[in-house]
Amino acid sequence: MFEGVHHVGQIVDDIEETKAFYRDVLDGTITSCGSVDGKVDVAFVELPEYRTELICRHERGTYLDDLLDELVAKPESHVAFVVDDIVAAMETFEAADVPMHDEEPVEGLGPYVRAFVEPSEVPGTPIELVEERPAD
């Protein structure tokens, strides 16, 4: 019945800033952009094994208002990206002047180490980096 994740949607404050972040820092590809009555902008970003939909409401007045109101009222979550070298991935963010919350990788809750990008510096959903380790 279920074949996989199509995308993770996130509501953002500045779609241009968020697209640039996903393109320039995460090396994503912007695959499509659209608008609903010029009041809500949408963009899809493709990353390996992952697609995100960025949604930015500039003003009210579309059929999406009720849905977007409900979505922004929900608690925040985060997106965890699997990386093959967590230290190198952390350096990529730091080189882009995006600070890390964790200065060093931290043991995760499973067989992995993790590090969060400073949540206040990420436009959109906070990002966690995960390097999987063999289970003991």
N, C-alpha and C. Protein backbone atom coordinates (compact mmCIF):
# COMPACT_ATOMS: atom_id res chain seq x y z
N MET A 1 0.82 -1.20 0.00
CA MET A 1 0.00 0.00 0.00
C MET A 1 0.86 1.25 0.00
N PHE A 2 1.75 1.39 0.98
CA PHE A 2 2.63 2.56 1.03
C PHE A 2 3.93 2.23 0.31
N GLU A 3 4.38 3.13 -0.55
CA GLU A 3 5.57 2.87 -1.35
C GLU A 3 6.76 3.74 -0.95
N GLY A 4 6.60 4.66 -0.04
CA GLY A 4 7.70 5.52 0.38
C GLY A 4 7.22 6.94 0.61
N VAL A 5 8.12 7.77 1.00
CA VAL A 5 7.81 9.17 1.28
C VAL A 5 7.83 9.95 -0.02
N HIS A 6 6.79 10.73 -0.27
CA HIS A 6 6.77 11.60 -1.44
C HIS A 6 7.53 12.89 -1.17
N HIS A 7 7.18 13.55 -0.06
CA HIS A 7 7.90 14.76 0.34
C HIS A 7 7.57 15.09 1.79
N VAL A 8 8.37 15.96 2.36
CA VAL A 8 8.08 16.54 3.67
C VAL A 8 7.81 18.01 3.42
N GLY A 9 6.65 18.48 3.82
CA GLY A 9 6.31 19.88 3.61
C GLY A 9 6.66 20.70 4.83
N GLN A 10 7.06 21.92 4.59
CA GLN A 10 7.37 22.81 5.70
C GLN A 10 6.97 24.23 5.35
N ILE A 11 6.41 24.90 6.33
CA ILE A 11 6.03 26.29 6.16
C ILE A 11 7.21 27.15 6.58
N VAL A 12 7.59 28.09 5.72
CA VAL A 12 8.76 28.92 5.96
C VAL A 12 8.38 30.39 5.90
N ASP A 13 9.21 31.22 6.51
CA ASP A 13 8.96 32.66 6.51
C ASP A 13 9.45 33.35 5.25
N ASP A 14 10.55 32.87 4.67
CA ASP A 14 11.17 33.52 3.51
C ASP A 14 11.53 32.43 2.50
N ILE A 15 10.74 32.29 1.46
CA ILE A 15 10.96 31.18 0.53
C ILE A 15 12.26 31.34 -0.25
N GLU A 16 12.64 32.55 -0.60
CA GLU A 16 13.87 32.74 -1.36
C GLU A 16 15.09 32.37 -0.52
N GLU A 17 15.11 32.80 0.74
CA GLU A 17 16.20 32.46 1.64
C GLU A 17 16.27 30.94 1.84
N THR A 18 15.12 30.30 2.00
CA THR A 18 15.09 28.87 2.25
C THR A 18 15.50 28.09 1.01
N LYS A 19 15.05 28.51 -0.17
CA LYS A 19 15.50 27.84 -1.41
C LYS A 19 17.01 27.96 -1.56
N ALA A 20 17.54 29.14 -1.30
CA ALA A 20 18.99 29.34 -1.41
C ALA A 20 19.74 28.43 -0.44
N PHE A 21 19.23 28.31 0.78
CA PHE A 21 19.86 27.44 1.78
C PHE A 21 19.87 26.00 1.30
N TYR A 22 18.73 25.48 0.86
CA TYR A 22 18.66 24.10 0.39
C TYR A 22 19.51 23.88 -0.86
N ARG A 23 19.58 24.87 -1.74
CA ARG A 23 20.37 24.76 -2.97
C ARG A 23 21.86 24.88 -2.68
N ASP A 24 22.25 25.93 -1.95
CA ASP A 24 23.67 26.26 -1.80
C ASP A 24 24.36 25.48 -0.69
N VAL A 25 23.67 25.20 0.40
CA VAL A 25 24.30 24.51 1.52
C VAL A 25 24.09 23.00 1.42
N LEU A 26 22.86 22.58 1.09
CA LEU A 26 22.56 21.15 1.03
C LEU A 26 22.71 20.56 -0.37
N ASP A 27 23.06 21.40 -1.36
CA ASP A 27 23.26 20.96 -2.74
C ASP A 27 22.00 20.36 -3.36
N GLY A 28 20.85 20.92 -2.99
CA GLY A 28 19.59 20.46 -3.54
C GLY A 28 19.29 21.10 -4.88
N THR A 29 18.30 20.54 -5.57
CA THR A 29 17.88 21.05 -6.86
C THR A 29 16.43 21.52 -6.74
N ILE A 30 16.19 22.77 -7.08
CA ILE A 30 14.84 23.30 -7.09
C ILE A 30 14.17 22.75 -8.35
N THR A 31 13.13 21.92 -8.18
CA THR A 31 12.54 21.25 -9.35
C THR A 31 11.28 21.93 -9.85
N SER A 32 10.57 22.61 -8.98
CA SER A 32 9.38 23.33 -9.44
C SER A 32 9.01 24.39 -8.42
N CYS A 33 8.42 25.45 -8.94
CA CYS A 33 7.95 26.55 -8.09
C CYS A 33 6.57 26.95 -8.59
N GLY A 34 5.76 27.44 -7.68
CA GLY A 34 4.43 27.89 -8.08
C GLY A 34 3.89 28.89 -7.09
N SER A 35 2.72 29.40 -7.41
CA SER A 35 2.09 30.39 -6.55
C SER A 35 0.59 30.15 -6.56
N VAL A 36 -0.05 30.46 -5.44
CA VAL A 36 -1.51 30.42 -5.35
C VAL A 36 -1.97 31.86 -5.20
N ASP A 37 -2.50 32.39 -6.27
CA ASP A 37 -3.04 33.75 -6.30
C ASP A 37 -2.01 34.80 -5.88
N GLY A 38 -0.72 34.51 -6.01
CA GLY A 38 0.32 35.46 -5.61
C GLY A 38 0.43 35.64 -4.11
N LYS A 39 -0.30 34.84 -3.34
CA LYS A 39 -0.33 34.99 -1.89
C LYS A 39 0.41 33.88 -1.16
N VAL A 40 0.56 32.73 -1.80
CA VAL A 40 1.27 31.60 -1.22
C VAL A 40 2.22 31.06 -2.28
N ASP A 41 3.52 31.04 -1.97
CA ASP A 41 4.51 30.48 -2.89
C ASP A 41 4.88 29.09 -2.44
N VAL A 42 5.15 28.23 -3.41
CA VAL A 42 5.51 26.84 -3.15
C VAL A 42 6.70 26.48 -4.02
N ALA A 43 7.64 25.72 -3.47
CA ALA A 43 8.78 25.23 -4.23
C ALA A 43 9.12 23.82 -3.76
N PHE A 44 9.49 22.95 -4.70
CA PHE A 44 9.96 21.62 -4.35
C PHE A 44 11.47 21.57 -4.52
N VAL A 45 12.14 20.96 -3.55
CA VAL A 45 13.59 20.81 -3.58
C VAL A 45 13.89 19.32 -3.52
N GLU A 46 14.69 18.83 -4.47
CA GLU A 46 15.10 17.43 -4.52
C GLU A 46 16.50 17.29 -3.92
N LEU A 47 16.61 16.33 -3.02
CA LEU A 47 17.89 15.92 -2.46
C LEU A 47 17.95 14.40 -2.62
N PRO A 48 19.12 13.78 -2.47
CA PRO A 48 19.15 12.33 -2.59
C PRO A 48 18.19 11.68 -1.59
N GLU A 49 17.28 10.86 -2.08
CA GLU A 49 16.35 10.10 -1.26
C GLU A 49 15.38 10.97 -0.46
N TYR A 50 15.25 12.24 -0.80
CA TYR A 50 14.45 13.15 0.02
C TYR A 50 13.96 14.30 -0.84
N ARG A 51 12.71 14.68 -0.64
CA ARG A 51 12.13 15.84 -1.33
C ARG A 51 11.41 16.66 -0.27
N THR A 52 11.59 17.96 -0.32
CA THR A 52 10.85 18.83 0.59
C THR A 52 10.05 19.84 -0.21
N GLU A 53 8.90 20.18 0.33
CA GLU A 53 8.05 21.20 -0.25
C GLU A 53 8.11 22.41 0.67
N LEU A 54 8.52 23.53 0.14
CA LEU A 54 8.59 24.78 0.90
C LEU A 54 7.32 25.58 0.62
N ILE A 55 6.69 26.05 1.66
CA ILE A 55 5.43 26.78 1.54
C ILE A 55 5.58 28.11 2.28
N CYS A 56 5.32 29.20 1.60
CA CYS A 56 5.46 30.52 2.22
C CYS A 56 4.20 31.34 1.93
N ARG A 57 3.45 31.65 2.98
CA ARG A 57 2.24 32.46 2.83
C ARG A 57 2.62 33.92 3.06
N HIS A 58 2.39 34.74 2.04
CA HIS A 58 2.68 36.18 2.14
C HIS A 58 1.48 36.94 2.70
N GLU A 59 0.30 36.45 2.36
CA GLU A 59 -0.91 37.08 2.88
C GLU A 59 -2.06 36.08 2.82
N ARG A 60 -3.06 36.34 3.61
CA ARG A 60 -4.24 35.48 3.67
C ARG A 60 -5.13 35.75 2.45
N GLY A 61 -6.06 34.84 2.22
CA GLY A 61 -7.03 35.09 1.16
C GLY A 61 -7.08 33.99 0.11
N THR A 62 -6.59 32.78 0.44
CA THR A 62 -6.68 31.67 -0.51
C THR A 62 -7.42 30.51 0.15
N TYR A 63 -7.74 29.52 -0.66
CA TYR A 63 -8.40 28.32 -0.14
C TYR A 63 -7.51 27.55 0.83
N LEU A 64 -6.23 27.87 0.90
CA LEU A 64 -5.28 27.18 1.78
C LEU A 64 -5.25 27.75 3.20
N ASP A 65 -5.92 28.87 3.45
CA ASP A 65 -5.80 29.55 4.75
C ASP A 65 -6.09 28.64 5.94
N ASP A 66 -7.20 27.93 5.93
CA ASP A 66 -7.55 27.08 7.07
C ASP A 66 -6.51 25.99 7.30
N LEU A 67 -6.08 25.35 6.22
CA LEU A 67 -5.08 24.30 6.33
C LEU A 67 -3.75 24.85 6.86
N LEU A 68 -3.28 25.95 6.31
CA LEU A 68 -2.02 26.53 6.77
C LEU A 68 -2.10 26.98 8.22
N ASP A 69 -3.25 27.52 8.63
CA ASP A 69 -3.43 27.89 10.04
C ASP A 69 -3.25 26.68 10.94
N GLU A 70 -3.82 25.55 10.55
CA GLU A 70 -3.70 24.33 11.36
C GLU A 70 -2.26 23.82 11.37
N LEU A 71 -1.59 23.86 10.22
CA LEU A 71 -0.22 23.35 10.15
C LEU A 71 0.74 24.17 11.01
N VAL A 72 0.62 25.48 11.01
CA VAL A 72 1.56 26.29 11.80
C VAL A 72 1.28 26.18 13.29
N ALA A 73 0.10 25.71 13.66
CA ALA A 73 -0.22 25.54 15.08
C ALA A 73 0.39 24.27 15.66
N LYS A 74 0.86 23.37 14.82
CA LYS A 74 1.44 22.10 15.28
C LYS A 74 2.86 22.35 15.79
N PRO A 75 3.33 21.47 16.68
CA PRO A 75 4.69 21.62 17.18
C PRO A 75 5.72 21.41 16.07
N GLU A 76 6.86 22.06 16.26
CA GLU A 76 7.95 21.93 15.29
C GLU A 76 8.52 20.52 15.30
N SER A 77 9.08 20.13 14.21
CA SER A 77 9.79 18.86 14.11
C SER A 77 11.14 19.15 13.46
N HIS A 78 11.87 18.12 13.09
CA HIS A 78 13.14 18.33 12.41
C HIS A 78 13.31 17.26 11.35
N VAL A 79 14.25 17.49 10.45
CA VAL A 79 14.59 16.55 9.40
C VAL A 79 16.00 16.05 9.68
N ALA A 80 16.16 14.73 9.71
CA ALA A 80 17.48 14.14 9.92
C ALA A 80 18.00 13.61 8.59
N PHE A 81 19.17 14.09 8.18
CA PHE A 81 19.80 13.64 6.94
C PHE A 81 20.91 12.67 7.28
N VAL A 82 20.95 11.53 6.61
CA VAL A 82 22.04 10.58 6.78
C VAL A 82 23.24 11.09 5.98
N VAL A 83 24.41 11.11 6.61
CA VAL A 83 25.64 11.51 5.95
C VAL A 83 26.68 10.42 6.15
N ASP A 84 27.64 10.33 5.23
CA ASP A 84 28.66 9.29 5.37
C ASP A 84 29.85 9.76 6.21
N ASP A 85 30.00 11.06 6.38
CA ASP A 85 31.09 11.62 7.19
C ASP A 85 30.53 12.84 7.91
N ILE A 86 30.15 12.67 9.15
CA ILE A 86 29.46 13.74 9.88
C ILE A 86 30.37 14.95 10.09
N VAL A 87 31.65 14.72 10.33
CA VAL A 87 32.57 15.85 10.54
C VAL A 87 32.66 16.69 9.27
N ALA A 88 32.78 16.03 8.11
CA ALA A 88 32.84 16.77 6.84
C ALA A 88 31.53 17.51 6.59
N ALA A 89 30.40 16.88 6.93
CA ALA A 89 29.11 17.55 6.75
C ALA A 89 29.00 18.78 7.64
N MET A 90 29.48 18.66 8.88
CA MET A 90 29.46 19.81 9.79
C MET A 90 30.33 20.93 9.24
N GLU A 91 31.47 20.58 8.67
CA GLU A 91 32.37 21.58 8.09
C GLU A 91 31.72 22.29 6.90
N THR A 92 30.88 21.57 6.16
CA THR A 92 30.17 22.18 5.03
C THR A 92 29.26 23.31 5.51
N PHE A 93 28.53 23.06 6.59
CA PHE A 93 27.66 24.09 7.14
C PHE A 93 28.48 25.26 7.67
N GLU A 94 29.53 24.97 8.41
CA GLU A 94 30.36 26.04 8.97
C GLU A 94 31.01 26.87 7.87
N ALA A 95 31.42 26.23 6.77
CA ALA A 95 32.01 26.96 5.64
C ALA A 95 30.99 27.89 4.98
N ALA A 96 29.72 27.55 5.10
CA ALA A 96 28.64 28.38 4.55
C ALA A 96 28.15 29.39 5.58
N ASP A 97 28.91 29.56 6.67
CA ASP A 97 28.55 30.49 7.76
C ASP A 97 27.22 30.12 8.42
N VAL A 98 26.93 28.82 8.47
CA VAL A 98 25.76 28.31 9.18
C VAL A 98 26.31 27.53 10.37
N PRO A 99 26.19 28.08 11.57
CA PRO A 99 26.81 27.43 12.73
C PRO A 99 26.10 26.13 13.13
N MET A 100 26.87 25.30 13.78
CA MET A 100 26.34 24.05 14.32
C MET A 100 25.92 24.28 15.77
N HIS A 101 24.86 23.61 16.19
CA HIS A 101 24.45 23.65 17.60
C HIS A 101 25.41 22.78 18.42
N ASP A 102 25.75 21.63 17.86
CA ASP A 102 26.69 20.71 18.51
C ASP A 102 28.07 20.96 17.93
N GLU A 103 29.04 21.24 18.80
CA GLU A 103 30.39 21.49 18.32
C GLU A 103 31.07 20.21 17.86
N GLU A 104 30.69 19.08 18.43
CA GLU A 104 31.23 17.77 18.07
C GLU A 104 30.06 16.82 17.89
N PRO A 105 30.22 15.75 17.12
CA PRO A 105 29.15 14.75 17.03
C PRO A 105 28.84 14.17 18.41
N VAL A 106 27.56 13.86 18.62
CA VAL A 106 27.05 13.36 19.89
C VAL A 106 26.45 11.98 19.65
N GLU A 107 26.57 11.09 20.63
CA GLU A 107 25.94 9.78 20.49
C GLU A 107 24.44 9.96 20.33
N GLY A 108 23.86 9.27 19.36
CA GLY A 108 22.43 9.36 19.12
C GLY A 108 21.66 8.37 19.97
N LEU A 109 20.37 8.29 19.74
CA LEU A 109 19.51 7.39 20.48
C LEU A 109 19.46 6.00 19.86
N GLY A 110 20.20 5.79 18.82
CA GLY A 110 20.32 4.49 18.16
C GLY A 110 21.78 4.28 17.80
N PRO A 111 22.06 3.38 16.87
CA PRO A 111 23.45 3.15 16.48
C PRO A 111 23.95 4.22 15.49
N TYR A 112 24.07 5.43 16.00
CA TYR A 112 24.54 6.52 15.17
C TYR A 112 25.08 7.65 16.05
N VAL A 113 25.84 8.54 15.41
CA VAL A 113 26.20 9.80 16.05
C VAL A 113 25.43 10.88 15.31
N ARG A 114 25.19 11.98 15.99
CA ARG A 114 24.38 13.03 15.40
C ARG A 114 24.92 14.39 15.78
N ALA A 115 24.52 15.39 15.01
CA ALA A 115 24.81 16.79 15.32
C ALA A 115 23.71 17.63 14.70
N PHE A 116 23.23 18.60 15.46
CA PHE A 116 22.21 19.52 14.96
C PHE A 116 22.86 20.78 14.43
N VAL A 117 22.34 21.25 13.31
CA VAL A 117 22.66 22.58 12.84
C VAL A 117 21.92 23.52 13.77
N GLU A 118 22.50 24.68 14.09
CA GLU A 118 21.85 25.63 15.01
C GLU A 118 20.44 25.92 14.50
N PRO A 119 19.39 25.49 15.22
CA PRO A 119 18.02 25.64 14.71
C PRO A 119 17.64 27.07 14.33
N SER A 120 18.10 28.05 15.08
CA SER A 120 17.73 29.43 14.79
C SER A 120 18.36 29.94 13.49
N GLU A 121 19.34 29.22 12.95
CA GLU A 121 20.02 29.65 11.73
C GLU A 121 19.51 28.93 10.48
N VAL A 122 18.59 28.00 10.65
CA VAL A 122 18.08 27.22 9.51
C VAL A 122 16.72 27.79 9.12
N PRO A 123 16.59 28.27 7.88
CA PRO A 123 15.26 28.69 7.45
C PRO A 123 14.40 27.44 7.24
N GLY A 124 13.26 27.40 7.89
CA GLY A 124 12.41 26.23 7.77
C GLY A 124 12.68 25.23 8.87
N THR A 125 12.48 23.96 8.57
CA THR A 125 12.57 22.89 9.55
C THR A 125 14.01 22.67 10.00
N PRO A 126 14.25 22.56 11.32
CA PRO A 126 15.60 22.31 11.82
C PRO A 126 16.20 21.03 11.23
N ILE A 127 17.53 21.01 11.13
CA ILE A 127 18.24 19.91 10.49
C ILE A 127 19.17 19.21 11.47
N GLU A 128 19.09 17.88 11.46
CA GLU A 128 19.99 17.02 12.22
C GLU A 128 20.80 16.21 11.22
N LEU A 129 22.09 16.07 11.49
CA LEU A 129 22.95 15.22 10.68
C LEU A 129 23.16 13.92 11.41
N VAL A 130 23.08 12.79 10.71
CA VAL A 130 23.20 11.48 11.33
C VAL A 130 24.21 10.65 10.54
N GLU A 131 25.22 10.12 11.26
CA GLU A 131 26.14 9.16 10.66
C GLU A 131 25.88 7.82 11.32
N GLU A 132 25.39 6.88 10.55
CA GLU A 132 25.05 5.58 11.10
C GLU A 132 26.31 4.80 11.46
N ARG A 133 26.22 4.03 12.53
CA ARG A 133 27.32 3.19 13.01
C ARG A 133 26.82 1.76 13.11
N PRO A 134 27.69 0.79 12.95
CA PRO A 134 27.24 -0.59 13.10
C PRO A 134 26.73 -0.83 14.53
N ALA A 135 25.65 -1.59 14.63
CA ALA A 135 25.11 -1.94 15.95
C ALA A 135 26.06 -2.89 16.65
N ASP A 136 26.16 -2.74 17.97
CA ASP A 136 27.05 -3.62 18.74
C ASP A 136 26.47 -5.01 18.87
